[in-house]
PDB file of all heavy atoms in Angstrom:
ATOM      1  N   VAL A   1       0.848  -1.196   0.000  1.00  0.00           N
ATOM      2  CA  VAL A   1       0.000   0.000   0.000  1.00  0.00           C
ATOM      3  C   VAL A   1       0.880   1.242   0.000  1.00  0.00           C
ATOM      4  O   VAL A   1       1.971   1.252   0.573  1.00  0.00           O
ATOM      5  CB  VAL A   1      -0.940  -0.018   1.242  1.00  0.00           C
ATOM      6  CG1 VAL A   1      -0.165  -0.003   2.538  1.00  0.00           C
ATOM      7  CG2 VAL A   1      -1.940   1.104   1.199  1.00  0.00           C
ATOM      8  N   PHE A   2       0.418   2.307  -0.677  1.00  0.00           N
ATOM      9  CA  PHE A   2       1.095   3.590  -0.594  1.00  0.00           C
ATOM     10  C   PHE A   2       0.767   4.221   0.750  1.00  0.00           C
ATOM     11  O   PHE A   2      -0.387   4.218   1.186  1.00  0.00           O
ATOM     12  CB  PHE A   2       0.632   4.551  -1.700  1.00  0.00           C
ATOM     13  CG  PHE A   2       1.127   4.181  -3.061  1.00  0.00           C
ATOM     14  CD1 PHE A   2       0.235   3.926  -4.079  1.00  0.00           C
ATOM     15  CD2 PHE A   2       2.480   4.102  -3.337  1.00  0.00           C
ATOM     16  CE1 PHE A   2       0.676   3.599  -5.348  1.00  0.00           C
ATOM     17  CE2 PHE A   2       2.937   3.771  -4.598  1.00  0.00           C
ATOM     18  CZ  PHE A   2       2.030   3.516  -5.603  1.00  0.00           C
ATOM     19  N   CYS A   3       1.766   4.774   1.405  1.00  0.00           N
ATOM     20  CA  CYS A   3       1.585   5.480   2.674  1.00  0.00           C
ATOM     21  C   CYS A   3       2.119   6.895   2.525  1.00  0.00           C
ATOM     22  O   CYS A   3       3.065   7.133   1.779  1.00  0.00           O
ATOM     23  CB  CYS A   3       2.354   4.796   3.800  1.00  0.00           C
ATOM     24  SG  CYS A   3       1.768   3.148   4.204  1.00  0.00           S
ATOM     25  N   MET A   4       1.514   7.816   3.252  1.00  0.00           N
ATOM     26  CA  MET A   4       2.008   9.190   3.282  1.00  0.00           C
ATOM     27  C   MET A   4       2.559   9.481   4.670  1.00  0.00           C
ATOM     28  O   MET A   4       1.930   9.148   5.680  1.00  0.00           O
ATOM     29  CB  MET A   4       0.908  10.202   2.976  1.00  0.00           C
ATOM     30  CG  MET A   4       1.376  11.648   3.167  1.00  0.00           C
ATOM     31  SD  MET A   4       0.127  12.870   2.767  1.00  0.00           S
ATOM     32  CE  MET A   4       0.579  13.174   1.067  1.00  0.00           C
ATOM     33  N   TYR A   5       3.733  10.103   4.711  1.00  0.00           N
ATOM     34  CA  TYR A   5       4.249  10.668   5.945  1.00  0.00           C
ATOM     35  C   TYR A   5       3.736  12.100   5.965  1.00  0.00           C
ATOM     36  O   TYR A   5       4.035  12.895   5.073  1.00  0.00           O
ATOM     37  CB  TYR A   5       5.773  10.622   5.982  1.00  0.00           C
ATOM     38  CG  TYR A   5       6.324  11.168   7.266  1.00  0.00           C
ATOM     39  CD1 TYR A   5       6.286  10.411   8.428  1.00  0.00           C
ATOM     40  CD2 TYR A   5       6.859  12.446   7.321  1.00  0.00           C
ATOM     41  CE1 TYR A   5       6.766  10.920   9.626  1.00  0.00           C
ATOM     42  CE2 TYR A   5       7.347  12.956   8.512  1.00  0.00           C
ATOM     43  CZ  TYR A   5       7.292  12.196   9.656  1.00  0.00           C
ATOM     44  OH  TYR A   5       7.768  12.705  10.831  1.00  0.00           O
ATOM     45  N   THR A   6       2.917  12.419   6.948  1.00  0.00           N
ATOM     46  CA  THR A   6       2.198  13.698   6.972  1.00  0.00           C
ATOM     47  C   THR A   6       3.008  14.811   7.630  1.00  0.00           C
ATOM     48  O   THR A   6       4.006  14.573   8.309  1.00  0.00           O
ATOM     49  CB  THR A   6       0.868  13.554   7.731  1.00  0.00           C
ATOM     50  OG1 THR A   6       1.151  13.363   9.131  1.00  0.00           O
ATOM     51  CG2 THR A   6       0.040  12.387   7.198  1.00  0.00           C
ATOM     52  N   ALA A   7       2.524  16.030   7.461  1.00  0.00           N
ATOM     53  CA  ALA A   7       3.153  17.198   8.089  1.00  0.00           C
ATOM     54  C   ALA A   7       3.065  17.130   9.612  1.00  0.00           C
ATOM     55  O   ALA A   7       3.838  17.765  10.306  1.00  0.00           O
ATOM     56  CB  ALA A   7       2.493  18.481   7.581  1.00  0.00           C
ATOM     57  N   GLN A   8       2.129  16.329  10.132  1.00  0.00           N
ATOM     58  CA  GLN A   8       1.977  16.169  11.582  1.00  0.00           C
ATOM     59  C   GLN A   8       2.887  15.078  12.134  1.00  0.00           C
ATOM     60  O   GLN A   8       2.870  14.788  13.325  1.00  0.00           O
ATOM     61  CB  GLN A   8       0.524  15.842  11.924  1.00  0.00           C
ATOM     62  CG  GLN A   8      -0.456  16.963  11.660  1.00  0.00           C
ATOM     63  CD  GLN A   8      -0.765  17.139  10.183  1.00  0.00           C
ATOM     64  OE1 GLN A   8      -0.770  16.177   9.412  1.00  0.00           O
ATOM     65  NE2 GLN A   8      -0.990  18.377   9.772  1.00  0.00           N
ATOM     66  N   GLY A   9       3.668  14.437  11.260  1.00  0.00           N
ATOM     67  CA  GLY A   9       4.613  13.418  11.713  1.00  0.00           C
ATOM     68  C   GLY A   9       4.008  12.038  11.894  1.00  0.00           C
ATOM     69  O   GLY A   9       4.556  11.203  12.600  1.00  0.00           O
ATOM     70  N   THR A  10       2.870  11.777  11.241  1.00  0.00           N
ATOM     71  CA  THR A  10       2.244  10.463  11.333  1.00  0.00           C
ATOM     72  C   THR A  10       2.320   9.769   9.975  1.00  0.00           C
ATOM     73  O   THR A  10       2.523  10.418   8.945  1.00  0.00           O
ATOM     74  CB  THR A  10       0.767  10.575  11.762  1.00  0.00           C
ATOM     75  OG1 THR A  10       0.055  11.341  10.784  1.00  0.00           O
ATOM     76  CG2 THR A  10       0.637  11.228  13.125  1.00  0.00           C
ATOM     77  N   HIS A  11       2.142   8.473   9.982  1.00  0.00           N
ATOM     78  CA  HIS A  11       2.130   7.681   8.754  1.00  0.00           C
ATOM     79  C   HIS A  11       0.686   7.328   8.437  1.00  0.00           C
ATOM     80  O   HIS A  11      -0.010   6.751   9.270  1.00  0.00           O
ATOM     81  CB  HIS A  11       2.964   6.408   8.929  1.00  0.00           C
ATOM     82  CG  HIS A  11       4.392   6.711   9.221  1.00  0.00           C
ATOM     83  ND1 HIS A  11       5.353   6.761   8.246  1.00  0.00           N
ATOM     84  CD2 HIS A  11       5.015   6.999  10.380  1.00  0.00           C
ATOM     85  CE1 HIS A  11       6.518   7.055   8.790  1.00  0.00           C
ATOM     86  NE2 HIS A  11       6.331   7.203  10.086  1.00  0.00           N
ATOM     87  N   GLN A  12       0.243   7.677   7.235  1.00  0.00           N
ATOM     88  CA  GLN A  12      -1.138   7.458   6.829  1.00  0.00           C
ATOM     89  C   GLN A  12      -1.178   6.422   5.705  1.00  0.00           C
ATOM     90  O   GLN A  12      -0.863   6.743   4.561  1.00  0.00           O
ATOM     91  CB  GLN A  12      -1.765   8.772   6.357  1.00  0.00           C
ATOM     92  CG  GLN A  12      -3.191   8.638   5.879  1.00  0.00           C
ATOM     93  CD  GLN A  12      -4.123   8.198   6.984  1.00  0.00           C
ATOM     94  OE1 GLN A  12      -4.167   8.813   8.036  1.00  0.00           O
ATOM     95  NE2 GLN A  12      -4.858   7.138   6.753  1.00  0.00           N
ATOM     96  N   PRO A  13      -1.540   5.156   6.023  1.00  0.00           N
ATOM     97  CA  PRO A  13      -1.641   4.161   4.955  1.00  0.00           C
ATOM     98  C   PRO A  13      -2.863   4.407   4.085  1.00  0.00           C
ATOM     99  O   PRO A  13      -3.849   4.980   4.528  1.00  0.00           O
ATOM    100  CB  PRO A  13      -1.758   2.834   5.709  1.00  0.00           C
ATOM    101  CG  PRO A  13      -2.269   3.194   7.059  1.00  0.00           C
ATOM    102  CD  PRO A  13      -1.821   4.601   7.344  1.00  0.00           C
ATOM    103  N   GLY A  14      -2.768   3.974   2.844  1.00  0.00           N
ATOM    104  CA  GLY A  14      -3.905   4.084   1.937  1.00  0.00           C
ATOM    105  C   GLY A  14      -3.965   5.399   1.184  1.00  0.00           C
ATOM    106  O   GLY A  14      -5.023   5.797   0.714  1.00  0.00           O
ATOM    107  N   TRP A  15      -2.821   6.070   1.018  1.00  0.00           N
ATOM    108  CA  TRP A  15      -2.797   7.318   0.254  1.00  0.00           C
ATOM    109  C   TRP A  15      -3.245   7.061  -1.168  1.00  0.00           C
ATOM    110  O   TRP A  15      -2.867   6.068  -1.786  1.00  0.00           O
ATOM    111  CB  TRP A  15      -1.389   7.915   0.266  1.00  0.00           C
ATOM    112  CG  TRP A  15      -1.270   9.169  -0.543  1.00  0.00           C
ATOM    113  CD1 TRP A  15      -1.563  10.427  -0.134  1.00  0.00           C
ATOM    114  CD2 TRP A  15      -0.824   9.280  -1.899  1.00  0.00           C
ATOM    115  NE1 TRP A  15      -1.335  11.330  -1.144  1.00  0.00           N
ATOM    116  CE2 TRP A  15      -0.881  10.633  -2.252  1.00  0.00           C
ATOM    117  CE3 TRP A  15      -0.398   8.368  -2.855  1.00  0.00           C
ATOM    118  CZ2 TRP A  15      -0.515  11.109  -3.497  1.00  0.00           C
ATOM    119  CZ3 TRP A  15      -0.031   8.835  -4.107  1.00  0.00           C
ATOM    120  CH2 TRP A  15      -0.092  10.190  -4.417  1.00  0.00           C
ATOM    121  N   LEU A  16      -4.100   7.939  -1.701  1.00  0.00           N
ATOM    122  CA  LEU A  16      -4.570   7.839  -3.076  1.00  0.00           C
ATOM    123  C   LEU A  16      -4.154   9.083  -3.844  1.00  0.00           C
ATOM    124  O   LEU A  16      -4.326  10.205  -3.366  1.00  0.00           O
ATOM    125  CB  LEU A  16      -6.102   7.713  -3.118  1.00  0.00           C
ATOM    126  CG  LEU A  16      -6.680   6.450  -2.494  1.00  0.00           C
ATOM    127  CD1 LEU A  16      -8.200   6.522  -2.468  1.00  0.00           C
ATOM    128  CD2 LEU A  16      -6.206   5.224  -3.256  1.00  0.00           C
ATOM    129  N   ALA A  17      -3.626   8.883  -5.031  1.00  0.00           N
ATOM    130  CA  ALA A  17      -3.224  10.003  -5.887  1.00  0.00           C
ATOM    131  C   ALA A  17      -4.456  10.648  -6.513  1.00  0.00           C
ATOM    132  O   ALA A  17      -5.362   9.948  -6.961  1.00  0.00           O
ATOM    133  CB  ALA A  17      -2.297   9.496  -6.986  1.00  0.00           C
ATOM    134  N   SER A  18      -4.460  11.963  -6.548  1.00  0.00           N
ATOM    135  CA  SER A  18      -5.515  12.682  -7.262  1.00  0.00           C
ATOM    136  C   SER A  18      -5.163  12.681  -8.754  1.00  0.00           C
ATOM    137  O   SER A  18      -4.051  12.316  -9.152  1.00  0.00           O
ATOM    138  CB  SER A  18      -5.607  14.124  -6.758  1.00  0.00           C
ATOM    139  OG  SER A  18      -4.425  14.830  -7.133  1.00  0.00           O
ATOM    140  N   GLN A  19      -6.098  13.125  -9.580  1.00  0.00           N
ATOM    141  CA  GLN A  19      -5.786  13.240 -11.004  1.00  0.00           C
ATOM    142  C   GLN A  19      -4.645  14.227 -11.216  1.00  0.00           C
ATOM    143  O   GLN A  19      -3.765  13.998 -12.063  1.00  0.00           O
ATOM    144  CB  GLN A  19      -7.029  13.669 -11.782  1.00  0.00           C
ATOM    145  CG  GLN A  19      -8.066  12.571 -11.864  1.00  0.00           C
ATOM    146  CD  GLN A  19      -9.227  12.951 -12.761  1.00  0.00           C
ATOM    147  OE1 GLN A  19      -9.092  13.722 -13.703  1.00  0.00           O
ATOM    148  NE2 GLN A  19     -10.389  12.393 -12.459  1.00  0.00           N
ATOM    149  N   ALA A  20      -4.633  15.304 -10.437  1.00  0.00           N
ATOM    150  CA  ALA A  20      -3.549  16.277 -10.549  1.00  0.00           C
ATOM    151  C   ALA A  20      -2.208  15.632 -10.194  1.00  0.00           C
ATOM    152  O   ALA A  20      -1.194  15.883 -10.859  1.00  0.00           O
ATOM    153  CB  ALA A  20      -3.825  17.478  -9.647  1.00  0.00           C
ATOM    154  N   ASP A  21      -2.192  14.797  -9.147  1.00  0.00           N
ATOM    155  CA  ASP A  21      -0.957  14.096  -8.773  1.00  0.00           C
ATOM    156  C   ASP A  21      -0.493  13.178  -9.898  1.00  0.00           C
ATOM    157  O   ASP A  21       0.697  13.122 -10.222  1.00  0.00           O
ATOM    158  CB  ASP A  21      -1.163  13.248  -7.507  1.00  0.00           C
ATOM    159  CG  ASP A  21      -1.335  14.072  -6.246  1.00  0.00           C
ATOM    160  OD1 ASP A  21      -0.758  15.168  -6.154  1.00  0.00           O
ATOM    161  OD2 ASP A  21      -2.055  13.595  -5.349  1.00  0.00           O
ATOM    162  N   MET A  22      -1.427  12.442 -10.504  1.00  0.00           N
ATOM    163  CA  MET A  22      -1.063  11.485 -11.545  1.00  0.00           C
ATOM    164  C   MET A  22      -0.548  12.159 -12.809  1.00  0.00           C
ATOM    165  O   MET A  22       0.255  11.587 -13.540  1.00  0.00           O
ATOM    166  CB  MET A  22      -2.258  10.587 -11.875  1.00  0.00           C
ATOM    167  CG  MET A  22      -2.580   9.607 -10.763  1.00  0.00           C
ATOM    168  SD  MET A  22      -3.880   8.464 -11.231  1.00  0.00           S
ATOM    169  CE  MET A  22      -5.332   9.378 -10.745  1.00  0.00           C
ATOM    170  N   LEU A  23      -1.005  13.374 -13.091  1.00  0.00           N
ATOM    171  CA  LEU A  23      -0.588  14.084 -14.296  1.00  0.00           C
ATOM    172  C   LEU A  23       0.587  15.030 -14.065  1.00  0.00           C
ATOM    173  O   LEU A  23       1.141  15.566 -15.017  1.00  0.00           O
ATOM    174  CB  LEU A  23      -1.779  14.866 -14.868  1.00  0.00           C
ATOM    175  CG  LEU A  23      -2.934  13.995 -15.368  1.00  0.00           C
ATOM    176  CD1 LEU A  23      -4.139  14.857 -15.707  1.00  0.00           C
ATOM    177  CD2 LEU A  23      -2.497  13.159 -16.559  1.00  0.00           C
ATOM    178  N   ALA A  24       0.984  15.211 -12.824  1.00  0.00           N
ATOM    179  CA  ALA A  24       2.051  16.159 -12.490  1.00  0.00           C
ATOM    180  C   ALA A  24       3.410  15.680 -12.996  1.00  0.00           C
ATOM    181  O   ALA A  24       3.673  14.484 -13.106  1.00  0.00           O
ATOM    182  CB  ALA A  24       2.098  16.366 -10.980  1.00  0.00           C
ATOM    183  N   GLU A  25       4.259  16.631 -13.275  1.00  0.00           N
ATOM    184  CA  GLU A  25       5.635  16.362 -13.711  1.00  0.00           C
ATOM    185  C   GLU A  25       6.647  16.862 -12.682  1.00  0.00           C
ATOM    186  O   GLU A  25       7.836  16.952 -12.980  1.00  0.00           O
ATOM    187  CB  GLU A  25       5.887  17.061 -15.049  1.00  0.00           C
ATOM    188  CG  GLU A  25       4.982  16.591 -16.174  1.00  0.00           C
ATOM    189  CD  GLU A  25       5.420  15.255 -16.761  1.00  0.00           C
ATOM    190  OE1 GLU A  25       6.614  14.912 -16.633  1.00  0.00           O
ATOM    191  OE2 GLU A  25       4.561  14.561 -17.335  1.00  0.00           O
TER     192      GLU A  25
END
């Protein structure tokens, strides 16, 4: 699973990319 390390210092499993994230360069 993709996880995000957040600005609050926690690990959030289940991160989902937005369309903007998927198209970003």
